[in-house]
């Protein structure tokens, strides 16, 4: 006696419209997630400062408090006691650095979450 089992596997047909709507929904969801991630990461690093004749050290401290960045510099090259005035509202770190060091010899470079400050004139001085 042989027992035969018949398994009926019916494929359910999915229409092209349903597949399109599923792909569209997934795409919209992913775009929304990426926009939310970008908005939260960039909004954390917006800088607002309005200072007159403040020392560079105090300005750098305030920028560090408002962002995830830290500053690195050589005390022989960068005088942190010199006075600066700055007025920025909801600017990113690069725009703030441009405004702060406009018409000065101080240059900056980004290295991950570090801002490296240097003085172009001090680097070009010949060593006696």
PDB file of N, CA and C in Angstrom:
ATOM      1  N   UNK A   1       0.814  -1.151   0.000  1.00  0.00           N
ATOM      2  CA  UNK A   1       0.000   0.000   0.000  1.00  0.00           C
ATOM      3  C   UNK A   1       0.881   1.246   0.000  1.00  0.00           C
ATOM      4  N   UNK A   2       0.699   2.058  -0.990  1.00  0.00           N
ATOM      5  CA  UNK A   2       1.456   3.282  -1.133  1.00  0.00           C
ATOM      6  C   UNK A   2       0.575   4.457  -0.744  1.00  0.00           C
ATOM      7  N   UNK A   3       1.184   5.354   0.011  1.00  0.00           N
ATOM      8  CA  UNK A   3       0.457   6.566   0.402  1.00  0.00           C
ATOM      9  C   UNK A   3       1.057   7.716  -0.407  1.00  0.00           C
ATOM     10  N   UNK A   4       0.202   8.383  -1.068  1.00  0.00           N
ATOM     11  CA  UNK A   4       0.644   9.522  -1.853  1.00  0.00           C
ATOM     12  C   UNK A   4       0.167  10.795  -1.176  1.00  0.00           C
ATOM     13  N   UNK A   5       1.099  11.697  -1.024  1.00  0.00           N
ATOM     14  CA  UNK A   5       0.711  12.982  -0.479  1.00  0.00           C
ATOM     15  C   UNK A   5       0.821  14.006  -1.591  1.00  0.00           C
ATOM     16  N   UNK A   6      -0.196  14.700  -1.694  1.00  0.00           N
ATOM     17  CA  UNK A   6      -0.211  15.748  -2.704  1.00  0.00           C
ATOM     18  C   UNK A   6      -0.173  17.084  -1.996  1.00  0.00           C
ATOM     19  N   UNK A   7       0.854  17.770  -2.275  1.00  0.00           N
ATOM     20  CA  UNK A   7       0.975  19.098  -1.688  1.00  0.00           C
ATOM     21  C   UNK A   7       0.747  20.091  -2.802  1.00  0.00           C
ATOM     22  N   UNK A   8      -0.173  20.901  -2.547  1.00  0.00           N
ATOM     23  CA  UNK A   8      -0.499  21.897  -3.549  1.00  0.00           C
ATOM     24  C   UNK A   8       0.120  23.224  -3.138  1.00  0.00           C
ATOM     25  N   UNK A   9       1.096  23.633  -3.872  1.00  0.00           N
ATOM     26  CA  UNK A   9       1.722  24.926  -3.619  1.00  0.00           C
ATOM     27  C   UNK A   9       1.263  25.891  -4.699  1.00  0.00           C
ATOM     28  N   UNK A  10       0.352  26.665  -4.320  1.00  0.00           N
ATOM     29  CA  UNK A  10      -0.132  27.670  -5.266  1.00  0.00           C
ATOM     30  C   UNK A  10       0.613  28.963  -5.009  1.00  0.00           C
ATOM     31  N   UNK A  11       1.095  29.503  -6.045  1.00  0.00           N
ATOM     32  CA  UNK A  11       1.747  30.798  -5.930  1.00  0.00           C
ATOM     33  C   UNK A  11       0.697  31.876  -6.033  1.00  0.00           C
ATOM     34  N   UNK A  12       0.789  32.754  -5.091  1.00  0.00           N
ATOM     35  CA  UNK A  12      -0.124  33.874  -5.125  1.00  0.00           C
ATOM     36  C   UNK A  12       0.506  34.935  -6.013  1.00  0.00           C
ATOM     37  N   UNK A  13      -0.180  35.354  -7.001  1.00  0.00           N
ATOM     38  CA  UNK A  13       0.343  36.345  -7.923  1.00  0.00           C
ATOM     39  C   UNK A  13       0.194  37.730  -7.315  1.00  0.00           C
ATOM     40  N   UNK A  14       1.289  38.452  -7.333  1.00  0.00           N
ATOM     41  CA  UNK A  14       1.293  39.818  -6.823  1.00  0.00           C
ATOM     42  C   UNK A  14       1.362  40.741  -8.032  1.00  0.00           C
ATOM     43  N   UNK A  15       0.482  41.662  -8.051  1.00  0.00           N
ATOM     44  CA  UNK A  15       0.421  42.539  -9.219  1.00  0.00           C
ATOM     45  C   UNK A  15       1.607  43.495  -9.250  1.00  0.00           C
ATOM     46  N   UNK A  16       1.892  43.985 -10.424  1.00  0.00           N
ATOM     47  CA  UNK A  16       2.992  44.942 -10.592  1.00  0.00           C
ATOM     48  C   UNK A  16       2.715  46.217  -9.809  1.00  0.00           C
ATOM     49  N   UNK A  17       1.493  46.584  -9.724  1.00  0.00           N
ATOM     50  CA  UNK A  17       1.107  47.797  -8.980  1.00  0.00           C
ATOM     51  C   UNK A  17       1.437  47.634  -7.502  1.00  0.00           C
ATOM     52  N   UNK A  18       1.158  46.467  -6.941  1.00  0.00           N
ATOM     53  CA  UNK A  18       1.449  46.221  -5.529  1.00  0.00           C
ATOM     54  C   UNK A  18       2.951  46.259  -5.277  1.00  0.00           C
ATOM     55  N   UNK A  19       3.725  45.671  -6.154  1.00  0.00           N
ATOM     56  CA  UNK A  19       5.181  45.689  -6.017  1.00  0.00           C
ATOM     57  C   UNK A  19       5.701  47.121  -6.097  1.00  0.00           C
ATOM     58  N   UNK A  20       5.186  47.884  -7.039  1.00  0.00           N
ATOM     59  CA  UNK A  20       5.574  49.285  -7.184  1.00  0.00           C
ATOM     60  C   UNK A  20       5.267  50.064  -5.911  1.00  0.00           C
ATOM     61  N   UNK A  21       4.079  49.866  -5.350  1.00  0.00           N
ATOM     62  CA  UNK A  21       3.700  50.589  -4.131  1.00  0.00           C
ATOM     63  C   UNK A  21       4.571  50.182  -2.939  1.00  0.00           C
ATOM     64  N   UNK A  22       4.944  48.921  -2.854  1.00  0.00           N
ATOM     65  CA  UNK A  22       5.825  48.476  -1.779  1.00  0.00           C
ATOM     66  C   UNK A  22       7.212  49.108  -1.913  1.00  0.00           C
ATOM     67  N   UNK A  23       7.734  49.144  -3.126  1.00  0.00           N
ATOM     68  CA  UNK A  23       9.042  49.761  -3.360  1.00  0.00           C
ATOM     69  C   UNK A  23       8.993  51.256  -3.059  1.00  0.00           C
ATOM     70  N   UNK A  24       7.929  51.900  -3.483  1.00  0.00           N
ATOM     71  CA  UNK A  24       7.780  53.331  -3.239  1.00  0.00           C
ATOM     72  C   UNK A  24       7.696  53.623  -1.737  1.00  0.00           C
ATOM     73  N   UNK A  25       6.948  52.807  -1.023  1.00  0.00           N
ATOM     74  CA  UNK A  25       6.822  52.989   0.428  1.00  0.00           C
ATOM     75  C   UNK A  25       8.164  52.827   1.122  1.00  0.00           C
ATOM     76  N   UNK A  26       8.911  51.813   0.735  1.00  0.00           N
ATOM     77  CA  UNK A  26      10.229  51.579   1.332  1.00  0.00           C
ATOM     78  C   UNK A  26      11.176  52.738   1.029  1.00  0.00           C
ATOM     79  N   UNK A  27      11.156  53.210  -0.197  1.00  0.00           N
ATOM     80  CA  UNK A  27      12.010  54.333  -0.584  1.00  0.00           C
ATOM     81  C   UNK A  27      11.669  55.578   0.216  1.00  0.00           C
ATOM     82  N   UNK A  28      10.391  55.876   0.348  1.00  0.00           N
ATOM     83  CA  UNK A  28       9.965  57.064   1.110  1.00  0.00           C
ATOM     84  C   UNK A  28      10.368  56.932   2.580  1.00  0.00           C
ATOM     85  N   UNK A  29      10.241  55.752   3.131  1.00  0.00           N
ATOM     86  CA  UNK A  29      10.636  55.516   4.516  1.00  0.00           C
ATOM     87  C   UNK A  29      12.131  55.759   4.704  1.00  0.00           C
ATOM     88  N   UNK A  30      12.951  55.222   3.799  1.00  0.00           N
ATOM     89  CA  UNK A  30      14.399  55.397   3.906  1.00  0.00           C
ATOM     90  C   UNK A  30      14.819  56.850   3.728  1.00  0.00           C
ATOM     91  N   UNK A  31      14.201  57.540   2.790  1.00  0.00           N
ATOM     92  CA  UNK A  31      14.510  58.958   2.586  1.00  0.00           C
ATOM     93  C   UNK A  31      14.172  59.748   3.850  1.00  0.00           C
ATOM     94  N   UNK A  32      13.040  59.463   4.442  1.00  0.00           N
ATOM     95  CA  UNK A  32      12.654  60.145   5.680  1.00  0.00           C
ATOM     96  C   UNK A  32      13.633  59.879   6.807  1.00  0.00           C
ATOM     97  N   UNK A  33      14.091  58.636   6.934  1.00  0.00           N
ATOM     98  CA  UNK A  33      15.073  58.295   7.973  1.00  0.00           C
ATOM     99  C   UNK A  33      16.381  59.047   7.767  1.00  0.00           C
ATOM    100  N   UNK A  34      16.868  59.094   6.528  1.00  0.00           N
ATOM    101  CA  UNK A  34      18.119  59.797   6.251  1.00  0.00           C
ATOM    102  C   UNK A  34      17.992  61.296   6.509  1.00  0.00           C
ATOM    103  N   UNK A  35      16.866  61.878   6.167  1.00  0.00           N
ATOM    104  CA  UNK A  35      16.672  63.302   6.422  1.00  0.00           C
ATOM    105  C   UNK A  35      16.639  63.584   7.917  1.00  0.00           C
ATOM    106  N   UNK A  36      16.003  62.724   8.661  1.00  0.00           N
ATOM    107  CA  UNK A  36      15.942  62.903  10.106  1.00  0.00           C
ATOM    108  C   UNK A  36      17.323  62.780  10.731  1.00  0.00           C
ATOM    109  N   UNK A  37      18.108  61.812  10.259  1.00  0.00           N
ATOM    110  CA  UNK A  37      19.471  61.654  10.773  1.00  0.00           C
ATOM    111  C   UNK A  37      20.318  62.879  10.437  1.00  0.00           C
ATOM    112  N   UNK A  38      20.203  63.373   9.233  1.00  0.00           N
ATOM    113  CA  UNK A  38      20.982  64.545   8.822  1.00  0.00           C
ATOM    114  C   UNK A  38      20.573  65.772   9.617  1.00  0.00           C
ATOM    115  N   UNK A  39      19.304  65.942   9.830  1.00  0.00           N
ATOM    116  CA  UNK A  39      18.807  67.103  10.566  1.00  0.00           C
ATOM    117  C   UNK A  39      19.313  67.096  11.993  1.00  0.00           C
ATOM    118  N   UNK A  40      19.273  65.966  12.659  1.00  0.00           N
ATOM    119  CA  UNK A  40      19.724  65.918  14.049  1.00  0.00           C
ATOM    120  C   UNK A  40      21.224  66.067  14.160  1.00  0.00           C
ATOM    121  N   UNK A  41      22.005  65.500  13.241  1.00  0.00           N
ATOM    122  CA  UNK A  41      23.458  65.609  13.354  1.00  0.00           C
ATOM    123  C   UNK A  41      23.950  67.015  13.031  1.00  0.00           C
ATOM    124  N   UNK A  42      23.372  67.674  12.045  1.00  0.00           N
ATOM    125  CA  UNK A  42      23.820  69.015  11.702  1.00  0.00           C
ATOM    126  C   UNK A  42      23.306  70.065  12.672  1.00  0.00           C
ATOM    127  N   UNK A  43      22.129  69.872  13.227  1.00  0.00           N
ATOM    128  CA  UNK A  43      21.591  70.881  14.126  1.00  0.00           C
ATOM    129  C   UNK A  43      22.377  70.942  15.431  1.00  0.00           C
ATOM    130  N   UNK A  44      23.076  69.866  15.780  1.00  0.00           N
ATOM    131  CA  UNK A  44      23.863  69.869  16.995  1.00  0.00           C
ATOM    132  C   UNK A  44      25.095  70.754  16.858  1.00  0.00           C
ATOM    133  N   UNK A  45      25.532  71.023  15.657  1.00  0.00           N
ATOM    134  CA  UNK A  45      26.761  71.762  15.452  1.00  0.00           C
ATOM    135  C   UNK A  45      26.537  73.175  14.939  1.00  0.00           C
ATOM    136  N   UNK A  46      25.371  73.750  15.176  1.00  0.00           N
ATOM    137  CA  UNK A  46      25.129  75.137  14.797  1.00  0.00           C
ATOM    138  C   UNK A  46      25.647  76.053  15.906  1.00  0.00           C
ATOM    139  N   UNK A  47      26.313  77.116  15.480  1.00  0.00           N
ATOM    140  CA  UNK A  47      26.969  78.013  16.423  1.00  0.00           C
ATOM    141  C   UNK A  47      26.328  79.389  16.368  1.00  0.00           C
ATOM    142  N   UNK A  48      26.058  79.936  17.538  1.00  0.00           N
ATOM    143  CA  UNK A  48      25.560  81.308  17.659  1.00  0.00           C
ATOM    144  C   UNK A  48      26.428  82.036  18.677  1.00  0.00           C
ATOM    145  N   UNK A  49      27.093  83.101  18.221  1.00  0.00           N
ATOM    146  CA  UNK A  49      27.962  83.899  19.084  1.00  0.00           C
ATOM    147  C   UNK A  49      27.826  85.366  18.733  1.00  0.00           C
ATOM    148  N   UNK A  50      27.833  86.204  19.742  1.00  0.00           N
ATOM    149  CA  UNK A  50      27.898  87.655  19.532  1.00  0.00           C
ATOM    150  C   UNK A  50      28.793  88.205  20.627  1.00  0.00           C
ATOM    151  N   UNK A  51      30.064  88.426  20.265  1.00  0.00           N
ATOM    152  CA  UNK A  51      31.060  88.864  21.237  1.00  0.00           C
ATOM    153  C   UNK A  51      31.873  90.015  20.665  1.00  0.00           C
ATOM    154  N   UNK A  52      32.183  90.969  21.520  1.00  0.00           N
ATOM    155  CA  UNK A  52      33.018  92.120  21.158  1.00  0.00           C
ATOM    156  C   UNK A  52      34.280  92.091  22.008  1.00  0.00           C
ATOM    157  N   UNK A  53      35.416  92.222  21.380  1.00  0.00           N
ATOM    158  CA  UNK A  53      36.712  92.267  22.066  1.00  0.00           C
ATOM    159  C   UNK A  53      36.866  91.153  23.099  1.00  0.00           C
ATOM    160  N   UNK A  54      36.571  89.947  22.702  1.00  0.00           N
ATOM    161  CA  UNK A  54      36.743  88.785  23.574  1.00  0.00           C
ATOM    162  C   UNK A  54      38.044  88.088  23.206  1.00  0.00           C
ATOM    163  N   UNK A  55      38.665  87.470  24.187  1.00  0.00           N
ATOM    164  CA  UNK A  55      39.905  86.748  23.899  1.00  0.00           C
ATOM    165  C   UNK A  55      39.591  85.537  23.023  1.00  0.00           C
ATOM    166  N   UNK A  56      40.569  85.170  22.216  1.00  0.00           N
ATOM    167  CA  UNK A  56      40.401  84.017  21.343  1.00  0.00           C
ATOM    168  C   UNK A  56      40.119  82.767  22.171  1.00  0.00           C
ATOM    169  N   UNK A  57      40.761  82.657  23.328  1.00  0.00           N
ATOM    170  CA  UNK A  57      40.547  81.501  24.197  1.00  0.00           C
ATOM    171  C   UNK A  57      39.090  81.382  24.624  1.00  0.00           C
ATOM    172  N   UNK A  58      38.459  82.483  25.005  1.00  0.00           N
ATOM    173  CA  UNK A  58      37.059  82.418  25.442  1.00  0.00           C
ATOM    174  C   UNK A  58      36.129  82.091  24.274  1.00  0.00           C
ATOM    175  N   UNK A  59      36.449  82.587  23.094  1.00  0.00           N
ATOM    176  CA  UNK A  59      35.631  82.279  21.907  1.00  0.00           C
ATOM    177  C   UNK A  59      35.742  80.796  21.575  1.00  0.00           C
ATOM    178  N   UNK A  60      36.964  80.270  21.600  1.00  0.00           N
ATOM    179  CA  UNK A  60      37.159  78.849  21.310  1.00  0.00           C
ATOM    180  C   UNK A  60      36.444  77.968  22.337  1.00  0.00           C
ATOM    181  N   UNK A  61      36.476  78.374  23.604  1.00  0.00           N
ATOM    182  CA  UNK A  61      35.765  77.625  24.637  1.00  0.00           C
ATOM    183  C   UNK A  61      34.265  77.590  24.370  1.00  0.00           C
ATOM    184  N   UNK A  62      33.704  78.709  23.960  1.00  0.00           N
ATOM    185  CA  UNK A  62      32.268  78.750  23.680  1.00  0.00           C
ATOM    186  C   UNK A  62      31.907  77.906  22.460  1.00  0.00           C
ATOM    187  N   UNK A  63      32.770  77.912  21.459  1.00  0.00           N
ATOM    188  CA  UNK A  63      32.522  77.069  20.284  1.00  0.00           C
ATOM    189  C   UNK A  63      32.589  75.594  20.674  1.00  0.00           C
ATOM    190  N   UNK A  64      33.562  75.235  21.510  1.00  0.00           N
ATOM    191  CA  UNK A  64      33.657  73.848  21.980  1.00  0.00           C
ATOM    192  C   UNK A  64      32.408  73.436  22.761  1.00  0.00           C
ATOM    193  N   UNK A  65      31.838  74.357  23.526  1.00  0.00           N
ATOM    194  CA  UNK A  65      30.624  74.055  24.299  1.00  0.00           C
ATOM    195  C   UNK A  65      29.410  73.844  23.399  1.00  0.00           C
ATOM    196  N   UNK A  66      29.386  74.488  22.241  1.00  0.00           N
ATOM    197  CA  UNK A  66      28.231  74.406  21.346  1.00  0.00           C
ATOM    198  C   UNK A  66      28.358  73.304  20.296  1.00  0.00           C
ATOM    199  N   UNK A  67      29.549  72.705  20.171  1.00  0.00           N
ATOM    200  CA  UNK A  67      29.766  71.696  19.126  1.00  0.00           C
ATOM    201  C   UNK A  67      30.482  70.474  19.705  1.00  0.00           C
ATOM    202  N   UNK A  68      30.757  69.532  18.829  1.00  0.00           N
ATOM    203  CA  UNK A  68      31.534  68.342  19.198  1.00  0.00           C
ATOM    204  C   UNK A  68      33.010  68.525  18.877  1.00  0.00           C
ATOM    205  N   UNK A  69      33.418  69.718  18.465  1.00  0.00           N
ATOM    206  CA  UNK A  69      34.793  69.968  18.051  1.00  0.00           C
ATOM    207  C   UNK A  69      35.654  70.436  19.218  1.00  0.00           C
ATOM    208  N   UNK A  70      36.954  70.112  19.131  1.00  0.00           N
ATOM    209  CA  UNK A  70      37.963  70.613  20.063  1.00  0.00           C
ATOM    210  C   UNK A  70      39.050  71.290  19.244  1.00  0.00           C
ATOM    211  N   UNK A  71      39.752  72.226  19.877  1.00  0.00           N
ATOM    212  CA  UNK A  71      40.783  72.989  19.173  1.00  0.00           C
ATOM    213  C   UNK A  71      42.170  72.558  19.616  1.00  0.00           C
ATOM    214  N   UNK A  72      43.076  72.500  18.644  1.00  0.00           N
ATOM    215  CA  UNK A  72      44.470  72.145  18.889  1.00  0.00           C
ATOM    216  C   UNK A  72      45.321  73.237  18.260  1.00  0.00           C
ATOM    217  N   UNK A  73      46.304  73.736  19.018  1.00  0.00           N
ATOM    218  CA  UNK A  73      47.170  74.791  18.492  1.00  0.00           C
ATOM    219  C   UNK A  73      48.459  74.822  19.291  1.00  0.00           C
ATOM    220  N   UNK A  74      49.468  75.443  18.698  1.00  0.00           N
ATOM    221  CA  UNK A  74      50.758  75.647  19.339  1.00  0.00           C
ATOM    222  C   UNK A  74      50.739  77.039  19.954  1.00  0.00           C
ATOM    223  N   UNK A  75      50.986  77.133  21.263  1.00  0.00           N
ATOM    224  CA  UNK A  75      50.959  78.433  21.944  1.00  0.00           C
ATOM    225  C   UNK A  75      51.995  79.407  21.391  1.00  0.00           C
ATOM    226  N   UNK A  76      53.075  78.891  20.789  1.00  0.00           N
ATOM    227  CA  UNK A  76      54.088  79.763  20.201  1.00  0.00           C
ATOM    228  C   UNK A  76      53.607  80.382  18.895  1.00  0.00           C
ATOM    229  N   UNK A  77      52.656  79.737  18.237  1.00  0.00           N
ATOM    230  CA  UNK A  77      52.148  80.227  16.949  1.00  0.00           C
ATOM    231  C   UNK A  77      50.859  81.039  17.093  1.00  0.00           C
ATOM    232  N   UNK A  78      49.988  80.605  17.960  1.00  0.00           N
ATOM    233  CA  UNK A  78      48.665  81.229  18.081  1.00  0.00           C
ATOM    234  C   UNK A  78      48.539  81.879  19.452  1.00  0.00           C
ATOM    235  N   UNK A  79      48.372  83.186  19.453  1.00  0.00           N
ATOM    236  CA  UNK A  79      48.199  83.936  20.692  1.00  0.00           C
ATOM    237  C   UNK A  79      46.716  83.913  21.060  1.00  0.00           C
ATOM    238  N   UNK A  80      46.367  83.122  22.062  1.00  0.00           N
ATOM    239  CA  UNK A  80      44.954  82.984  22.442  1.00  0.00           C
ATOM    240  C   UNK A  80      44.470  84.139  23.306  1.00  0.00           C
ATOM    241  N   UNK A  81      45.372  85.057  23.668  1.00  0.00           N
ATOM    242  CA  UNK A  81      44.969  86.221  24.457  1.00  0.00           C
ATOM    243  C   UNK A  81      44.552  87.396  23.572  1.00  0.00           C
ATOM    244  N   UNK A  82      44.828  87.314  22.264  1.00  0.00           N
ATOM    245  CA  UNK A  82      44.445  88.418  21.382  1.00  0.00           C
ATOM    246  C   UNK A  82      42.924  88.547  21.328  1.00  0.00           C
ATOM    247  N   UNK A  83      42.463  89.740  21.075  1.00  0.00           N
ATOM    248  CA  UNK A  83      41.035  90.056  21.123  1.00  0.00           C
ATOM    249  C   UNK A  83      40.408  89.956  19.737  1.00  0.00           C
ATOM    250  N   UNK A  84      39.203  89.385  19.707  1.00  0.00           N
ATOM    251  CA  UNK A  84      38.424  89.231  18.486  1.00  0.00           C
ATOM    252  C   UNK A  84      36.991  89.651  18.751  1.00  0.00           C
ATOM    253  N   UNK A  85      36.318  90.034  17.677  1.00  0.00           N
ATOM    254  CA  UNK A  85      34.876  90.270  17.715  1.00  0.00           C
ATOM    255  C   UNK A  85      34.240  89.332  16.704  1.00  0.00           C
ATOM    256  N   UNK A  86      33.109  88.764  17.094  1.00  0.00           N
ATOM    257  CA  UNK A  86      32.437  87.821  16.207  1.00  0.00           C
ATOM    258  C   UNK A  86      30.939  87.928  16.413  1.00  0.00           C
ATOM    259  N   UNK A  87      30.217  87.815  15.298  1.00  0.00           N
ATOM    260  CA  UNK A  87      28.757  87.841  15.347  1.00  0.00           C
ATOM    261  C   UNK A  87      28.244  86.831  14.322  1.00  0.00           C
ATOM    262  N   UNK A  88      27.880  85.638  14.794  1.00  0.00           N
ATOM    263  CA  UNK A  88      27.333  84.597  13.928  1.00  0.00           C
ATOM    264  C   UNK A  88      26.059  84.060  14.564  1.00  0.00           C
ATOM    265  N   UNK A  89      25.116  83.698  13.722  1.00  0.00           N
ATOM    266  CA  UNK A  89      23.840  83.160  14.200  1.00  0.00           C
ATOM    267  C   UNK A  89      23.524  81.878  13.444  1.00  0.00           C
ATOM    268  N   UNK A  90      23.482  80.764  14.164  1.00  0.00           N
ATOM    269  CA  UNK A  90      23.144  79.454  13.595  1.00  0.00           C
ATOM    270  C   UNK A  90      24.018  79.111  12.378  1.00  0.00           C
ATOM    271  N   UNK A  91      25.332  79.252  12.539  1.00  0.00           N
ATOM    272  CA  UNK A  91      26.279  78.932  11.463  1.00  0.00           C
ATOM    273  C   UNK A  91      26.977  77.612  11.755  1.00  0.00           C
ATOM    274  N   UNK A  92      27.456  76.972  10.706  1.00  0.00           N
ATOM    275  CA  UNK A  92      28.229  75.749  10.900  1.00  0.00           C
ATOM    276  C   UNK A  92      29.661  76.131  11.294  1.00  0.00           C
ATOM    277  N   UNK A  93      30.445  75.122  11.641  1.00  0.00           N
ATOM    278  CA  UNK A  93      31.792  75.370  12.163  1.00  0.00           C
ATOM    279  C   UNK A  93      32.696  76.049  11.129  1.00  0.00           C
ATOM    280  N   UNK A  94      32.604  75.661   9.867  1.00  0.00           N
ATOM    281  CA  UNK A  94      33.471  76.253   8.836  1.00  0.00           C
ATOM    282  C   UNK A  94      33.144  77.732   8.625  1.00  0.00           C
ATOM    283  N   UNK A  95      31.866  78.064   8.564  1.00  0.00           N
ATOM    284  CA  UNK A  95      31.464  79.467   8.394  1.00  0.00           C
ATOM    285  C   UNK A  95      31.890  80.305   9.594  1.00  0.00           C
ATOM    286  N   UNK A  96      31.801  79.721  10.779  1.00  0.00           N
ATOM    287  CA  UNK A  96      32.216  80.431  11.991  1.00  0.00           C
ATOM    288  C   UNK A  96      33.713  80.687  11.981  1.00  0.00           C
ATOM    289  N   UNK A  97      34.501  79.686  11.573  1.00  0.00           N
ATOM    290  CA  UNK A  97      35.952  79.859  11.502  1.00  0.00           C
ATOM    291  C   UNK A  97      36.321  80.908  10.453  1.00  0.00           C
ATOM    292  N   UNK A  98      35.622  80.889   9.318  1.00  0.00           N
ATOM    293  CA  UNK A  98      35.877  81.905   8.284  1.00  0.00           C
ATOM    294  C   UNK A  98      35.615  83.306   8.827  1.00  0.00           C
ATOM    295  N   UNK A  99      34.512  83.473   9.530  1.00  0.00           N
ATOM    296  CA  UNK A  99      34.167  84.788  10.080  1.00  0.00           C
ATOM    297  C   UNK A  99      35.158  85.213  11.163  1.00  0.00           C
ATOM    298  N   UNK A 100      35.574  84.279  11.985  1.00  0.00           N
ATOM    299  CA  UNK A 100      36.475  84.585  13.095  1.00  0.00           C
ATOM    300  C   UNK A 100      37.868  84.979  12.613  1.00  0.00           C
ATOM    301  N   UNK A 101      38.393  84.250  11.644  1.00  0.00           N
ATOM    302  CA  UNK A 101      39.774  84.462  11.222  1.00  0.00           C
ATOM    303  C   UNK A 101      39.913  85.247   9.924  1.00  0.00           C
ATOM    304  N   UNK A 102      38.845  85.915   9.524  1.00  0.00           N
ATOM    305  CA  UNK A 102      38.891  86.757   8.326  1.00  0.00           C
ATOM    306  C   UNK A 102      39.914  87.877   8.564  1.00  0.00           C
ATOM    307  N   UNK A 103      40.749  88.117   7.575  1.00  0.00           N
ATOM    308  CA  UNK A 103      41.786  89.160   7.625  1.00  0.00           C
ATOM    309  C   UNK A 103      42.820  88.928   8.730  1.00  0.00           C
ATOM    310  N   UNK A 104      43.092  87.677   9.050  1.00  0.00           N
ATOM    311  CA  UNK A 104      44.161  87.357  10.004  1.00  0.00           C
ATOM    312  C   UNK A 104      45.102  86.348   9.351  1.00  0.00           C
ATOM    313  N   UNK A 105      46.197  86.066  10.035  1.00  0.00           N
ATOM    314  CA  UNK A 105      47.148  85.062   9.551  1.00  0.00           C
ATOM    315  C   UNK A 105      46.846  83.678  10.110  1.00  0.00           C
ATOM    316  N   UNK A 106      45.804  83.556  10.917  1.00  0.00           N
ATOM    317  CA  UNK A 106      45.466  82.264  11.513  1.00  0.00           C
ATOM    318  C   UNK A 106      44.693  81.430  10.507  1.00  0.00           C
ATOM    319  N   UNK A 107      45.155  80.211  10.318  1.00  0.00           N
ATOM    320  CA  UNK A 107      44.511  79.265   9.407  1.00  0.00           C
ATOM    321  C   UNK A 107      44.012  78.081  10.223  1.00  0.00           C
ATOM    322  N   UNK A 108      43.059  77.354   9.662  1.00  0.00           N
ATOM    323  CA  UNK A 108      42.522  76.188  10.367  1.00  0.00           C
ATOM    324  C   UNK A 108      42.356  75.023   9.399  1.00  0.00           C
ATOM    325  N   UNK A 109      42.427  73.820   9.971  1.00  0.00           N
ATOM    326  CA  UNK A 109      42.190  72.581   9.222  1.00  0.00           C
ATOM    327  C   UNK A 109      41.364  71.665  10.109  1.00  0.00           C
ATOM    328  N   UNK A 110      40.488  70.880   9.490  1.00  0.00           N
ATOM    329  CA  UNK A 110      39.677  69.932  10.234  1.00  0.00           C
ATOM    330  C   UNK A 110      40.318  68.549  10.178  1.00  0.00           C
ATOM    331  N   UNK A 111      40.393  67.911  11.318  1.00  0.00           N
ATOM    332  CA  UNK A 111      40.863  66.528  11.448  1.00  0.00           C
ATOM    333  C   UNK A 111      39.867  65.804  12.350  1.00  0.00           C
ATOM    334  N   UNK A 112      38.914  65.123  11.718  1.00  0.00           N
ATOM    335  CA  UNK A 112      37.816  64.455  12.437  1.00  0.00           C
ATOM    336  C   UNK A 112      37.100  65.487  13.304  1.00  0.00           C
ATOM    337  N   UNK A 113      37.124  65.352  14.617  1.00  0.00           N
ATOM    338  CA  UNK A 113      36.455  66.321  15.490  1.00  0.00           C
ATOM    339  C   UNK A 113      37.435  67.324  16.094  1.00  0.00           C
ATOM    340  N   UNK A 114      38.545  67.519  15.417  1.00  0.00           N
ATOM    341  CA  UNK A 114      39.534  68.489  15.862  1.00  0.00           C
ATOM    342  C   UNK A 114      39.638  69.621  14.849  1.00  0.00           C
ATOM    343  N   UNK A 115      39.885  70.807  15.366  1.00  0.00           N
ATOM    344  CA  UNK A 115      40.192  71.956  14.507  1.00  0.00           C
ATOM    345  C   UNK A 115      41.622  72.352  14.859  1.00  0.00           C
ATOM    346  N   UNK A 116      42.514  72.205  13.889  1.00  0.00           N
ATOM    347  CA  UNK A 116      43.929  72.501  14.101  1.00  0.00           C
ATOM    348  C   UNK A 116      44.192  73.932  13.635  1.00  0.00           C
ATOM    349  N   UNK A 117      44.645  74.766  14.561  1.00  0.00           N
ATOM    350  CA  UNK A 117      44.927  76.170  14.259  1.00  0.00           C
ATOM    351  C   UNK A 117      46.422  76.362  14.069  1.00  0.00           C
ATOM    352  N   UNK A 118      46.777  77.203  13.106  1.00  0.00           N
ATOM    353  CA  UNK A 118      48.184  77.526  12.877  1.00  0.00           C
ATOM    354  C   UNK A 118      48.269  78.963  12.393  1.00  0.00           C
ATOM    355  N   UNK A 119      49.468  79.503  12.483  1.00  0.00           N
ATOM    356  CA  UNK A 119      49.711  80.877  12.056  1.00  0.00           C
ATOM    357  C   UNK A 119      50.653  80.831  10.868  1.00  0.00           C
ATOM    358  N   UNK A 120      50.182  81.320   9.730  1.00  0.00           N
ATOM    359  CA  UNK A 120      50.983  81.271   8.506  1.00  0.00           C
ATOM    360  C   UNK A 120      52.286  82.054   8.657  1.00  0.00           C
ATOM    361  N   UNK A 121      52.261  83.218   9.284  1.00  0.00           N
ATOM    362  CA  UNK A 121      53.460  84.037   9.448  1.00  0.00           C
ATOM    363  C   UNK A 121      54.479  83.341  10.338  1.00  0.00           C
ATOM    364  N   UNK A 122      54.008  82.744  11.411  1.00  0.00           N
ATOM    365  CA  UNK A 122      54.936  82.079  12.353  1.00  0.00           C
ATOM    366  C   UNK A 122      55.617  80.896  11.691  1.00  0.00           C
ATOM    367  N   UNK A 123      54.943  80.220  10.775  1.00  0.00           N
ATOM    368  CA  UNK A 123      55.533  79.065  10.113  1.00  0.00           C
ATOM    369  C   UNK A 123      56.581  79.484   9.082  1.00  0.00           C
ATOM    370  N   UNK A 124      56.468  80.686   8.532  1.00  0.00           N
ATOM    371  CA  UNK A 124      57.386  81.126   7.489  1.00  0.00           C
ATOM    372  C   UNK A 124      58.625  81.820   8.025  1.00  0.00           C
ATOM    373  N   UNK A 125      58.664  82.106   9.341  1.00  0.00           N
ATOM    374  CA  UNK A 125      59.835  82.775   9.921  1.00  0.00           C
ATOM    375  C   UNK A 125      61.048  81.847   9.854  1.00  0.00           C
ATOM    376  N   UNK A 126      62.182  82.390   9.420  1.00  0.00           N
ATOM    377  CA  UNK A 126      63.392  81.544   9.380  1.00  0.00           C
ATOM    378  C   UNK A 126      63.907  81.273  10.784  1.00  0.00           C
ATOM    379  N   UNK A 127      64.415  80.088  10.974  1.00  0.00           N
ATOM    380  CA  UNK A 127      64.977  79.719  12.280  1.00  0.00           C
ATOM    381  C   UNK A 127      66.393  80.230  12.347  1.00  0.00           C
ATOM    382  N   UNK A 128      66.748  81.004  13.415  1.00  0.00           N
ATOM    383  CA  UNK A 128      68.100  81.579  13.511  1.00  0.00           C
ATOM    384  C   UNK A 128      69.142  80.547  13.857  1.00  0.00           C
TER     385      UNK A 128
END
